[in-house]
Amino acid sequence: NPYPQGMRCQKCLEMGHWSYECKGKRKYVHRSSRTVQLNKALKQKELEHIM
């Protein structure tokens, strides 16, 4: 099947085409930095330990 029905393009995040066929602009996906994620996990563990 040359056209992916349920697949999402990894570049523009639209449905129905492959990333290498993409003519759209790259979408910016905001993600927390690894440091922020680790600090959040440490804080959560601290809170659980206190209670």
N, C-alpha and C. Protein backbone atom coordinates (compact mmCIF):
# COMPACT_ATOMS: atom_id res chain seq x y z
N ASN A 1 0.84 -1.19 0.00
CA ASN A 1 0.00 0.00 0.00
C ASN A 1 0.89 1.25 0.00
N PRO A 2 0.92 2.00 -1.09
CA PRO A 2 1.82 3.14 -1.18
C PRO A 2 1.42 4.33 -0.30
N TYR A 3 0.14 4.47 0.03
CA TYR A 3 -0.30 5.61 0.82
C TYR A 3 -0.71 5.16 2.21
N PRO A 4 0.01 5.60 3.22
CA PRO A 4 -0.27 5.17 4.59
C PRO A 4 -1.50 5.89 5.15
N GLN A 5 -2.57 5.16 5.42
CA GLN A 5 -3.80 5.78 5.91
C GLN A 5 -3.65 6.31 7.33
N GLY A 6 -3.27 5.44 8.26
CA GLY A 6 -3.25 5.84 9.66
C GLY A 6 -1.90 6.31 10.15
N MET A 7 -0.97 6.57 9.24
CA MET A 7 0.38 6.95 9.65
C MET A 7 0.50 8.46 9.74
N ARG A 8 1.28 8.92 10.74
CA ARG A 8 1.49 10.35 10.94
C ARG A 8 2.92 10.69 10.50
N CYS A 9 3.05 11.73 9.71
CA CYS A 9 4.37 12.20 9.26
C CYS A 9 5.16 12.69 10.47
N GLN A 10 6.41 12.27 10.58
CA GLN A 10 7.24 12.66 11.72
C GLN A 10 7.75 14.09 11.59
N LYS A 11 7.65 14.66 10.41
CA LYS A 11 8.16 16.02 10.21
C LYS A 11 7.08 17.07 10.49
N CYS A 12 5.92 16.99 9.81
CA CYS A 12 4.89 18.02 9.96
C CYS A 12 3.75 17.58 10.86
N LEU A 13 3.75 16.32 11.27
CA LEU A 13 2.74 15.74 12.16
C LEU A 13 1.36 15.63 11.53
N GLU A 14 1.27 15.73 10.19
CA GLU A 14 0.01 15.53 9.49
C GLU A 14 -0.13 14.05 9.14
N MET A 15 -1.37 13.64 8.83
CA MET A 15 -1.64 12.24 8.51
C MET A 15 -1.61 12.02 6.99
N GLY A 16 -1.31 10.78 6.60
CA GLY A 16 -1.53 10.36 5.22
C GLY A 16 -0.35 10.43 4.28
N HIS A 17 0.84 10.73 4.76
CA HIS A 17 2.01 10.66 3.88
C HIS A 17 3.25 10.31 4.69
N TRP A 18 4.28 9.85 3.98
CA TRP A 18 5.54 9.49 4.64
C TRP A 18 6.38 10.74 4.85
N SER A 19 7.30 10.68 5.80
CA SER A 19 8.17 11.82 6.10
C SER A 19 9.00 12.25 4.89
N TYR A 20 9.48 11.29 4.11
CA TYR A 20 10.33 11.65 2.96
C TYR A 20 9.54 12.30 1.83
N GLU A 21 8.19 12.18 1.87
CA GLU A 21 7.34 12.81 0.86
C GLU A 21 6.83 14.17 1.32
N CYS A 22 7.19 14.57 2.52
CA CYS A 22 6.59 15.74 3.16
C CYS A 22 6.97 17.04 2.47
N LYS A 23 5.95 17.88 2.22
CA LYS A 23 6.17 19.19 1.64
C LYS A 23 5.88 20.28 2.68
N GLY A 24 5.42 19.88 3.85
CA GLY A 24 5.08 20.84 4.90
C GLY A 24 6.30 21.28 5.69
N LYS A 25 6.10 22.29 6.52
CA LYS A 25 7.18 22.77 7.38
C LYS A 25 7.24 21.90 8.63
N ARG A 26 8.44 21.82 9.20
CA ARG A 26 8.62 21.05 10.44
C ARG A 26 7.91 21.76 11.58
N LYS A 27 7.13 20.99 12.35
CA LYS A 27 6.44 21.54 13.52
C LYS A 27 7.38 21.50 14.71
N TYR A 28 7.32 22.54 15.54
CA TYR A 28 8.12 22.56 16.76
C TYR A 28 7.31 21.91 17.86
N VAL A 29 7.86 20.86 18.46
CA VAL A 29 7.19 20.18 19.56
C VAL A 29 7.99 20.48 20.82
N HIS A 30 7.37 21.23 21.74
CA HIS A 30 8.06 21.59 22.97
C HIS A 30 8.11 20.38 23.89
N ARG A 31 9.31 20.05 24.33
CA ARG A 31 9.49 18.97 25.30
C ARG A 31 10.32 19.50 26.44
N SER A 32 10.06 19.00 27.64
CA SER A 32 10.87 19.37 28.79
C SER A 32 12.28 18.82 28.60
N SER A 33 13.26 19.56 29.13
CA SER A 33 14.63 19.06 29.05
C SER A 33 14.77 17.87 29.98
N ARG A 34 15.80 17.09 29.76
CA ARG A 34 16.03 15.90 30.60
C ARG A 34 16.26 16.32 32.05
N THR A 35 16.95 17.45 32.26
CA THR A 35 17.21 17.95 33.61
C THR A 35 15.90 18.25 34.34
N VAL A 36 14.99 18.90 33.64
CA VAL A 36 13.69 19.23 34.23
C VAL A 36 12.94 17.95 34.60
N GLN A 37 12.96 16.96 33.71
CA GLN A 37 12.29 15.68 33.98
C GLN A 37 12.89 14.99 35.19
N LEU A 38 14.23 14.97 35.27
CA LEU A 38 14.89 14.31 36.40
C LEU A 38 14.63 15.04 37.71
N ASN A 39 14.67 16.37 37.68
CA ASN A 39 14.40 17.15 38.89
C ASN A 39 12.97 16.92 39.37
N LYS A 40 12.04 16.83 38.44
CA LYS A 40 10.64 16.58 38.79
C LYS A 40 10.50 15.21 39.46
N ALA A 41 11.19 14.21 38.90
CA ALA A 41 11.14 12.85 39.47
C ALA A 41 11.76 12.82 40.86
N LEU A 42 12.88 13.52 41.04
CA LEU A 42 13.54 13.57 42.35
C LEU A 42 12.64 14.24 43.39
N LYS A 43 12.01 15.33 42.98
CA LYS A 43 11.11 16.05 43.89
C LYS A 43 9.94 15.16 44.29
N GLN A 44 9.40 14.42 43.33
CA GLN A 44 8.27 13.50 43.59
C GLN A 44 8.69 12.42 44.58
N LYS A 45 9.88 11.85 44.39
CA LYS A 45 10.37 10.82 45.31
C LYS A 45 10.57 11.38 46.71
N GLU A 46 11.08 12.62 46.79
CA GLU A 46 11.27 13.28 48.08
C GLU A 46 9.95 13.44 48.81
N LEU A 47 8.93 13.88 48.09
CA LEU A 47 7.61 14.08 48.68
C LEU A 47 7.02 12.76 49.17
N GLU A 48 7.20 11.70 48.39
CA GLU A 48 6.69 10.38 48.79
C GLU A 48 7.43 9.87 50.02
N HIS A 49 8.72 10.16 50.09
CA HIS A 49 9.54 9.70 51.22
C HIS A 49 9.14 10.42 52.51
N ILE A 50 8.80 11.70 52.40
CA ILE A 50 8.41 12.50 53.57
C ILE A 50 7.07 12.01 54.14
N MET A 51 6.15 11.65 53.27
CA MET A 51 4.80 11.26 53.73
C MET A 51 4.74 9.86 54.24
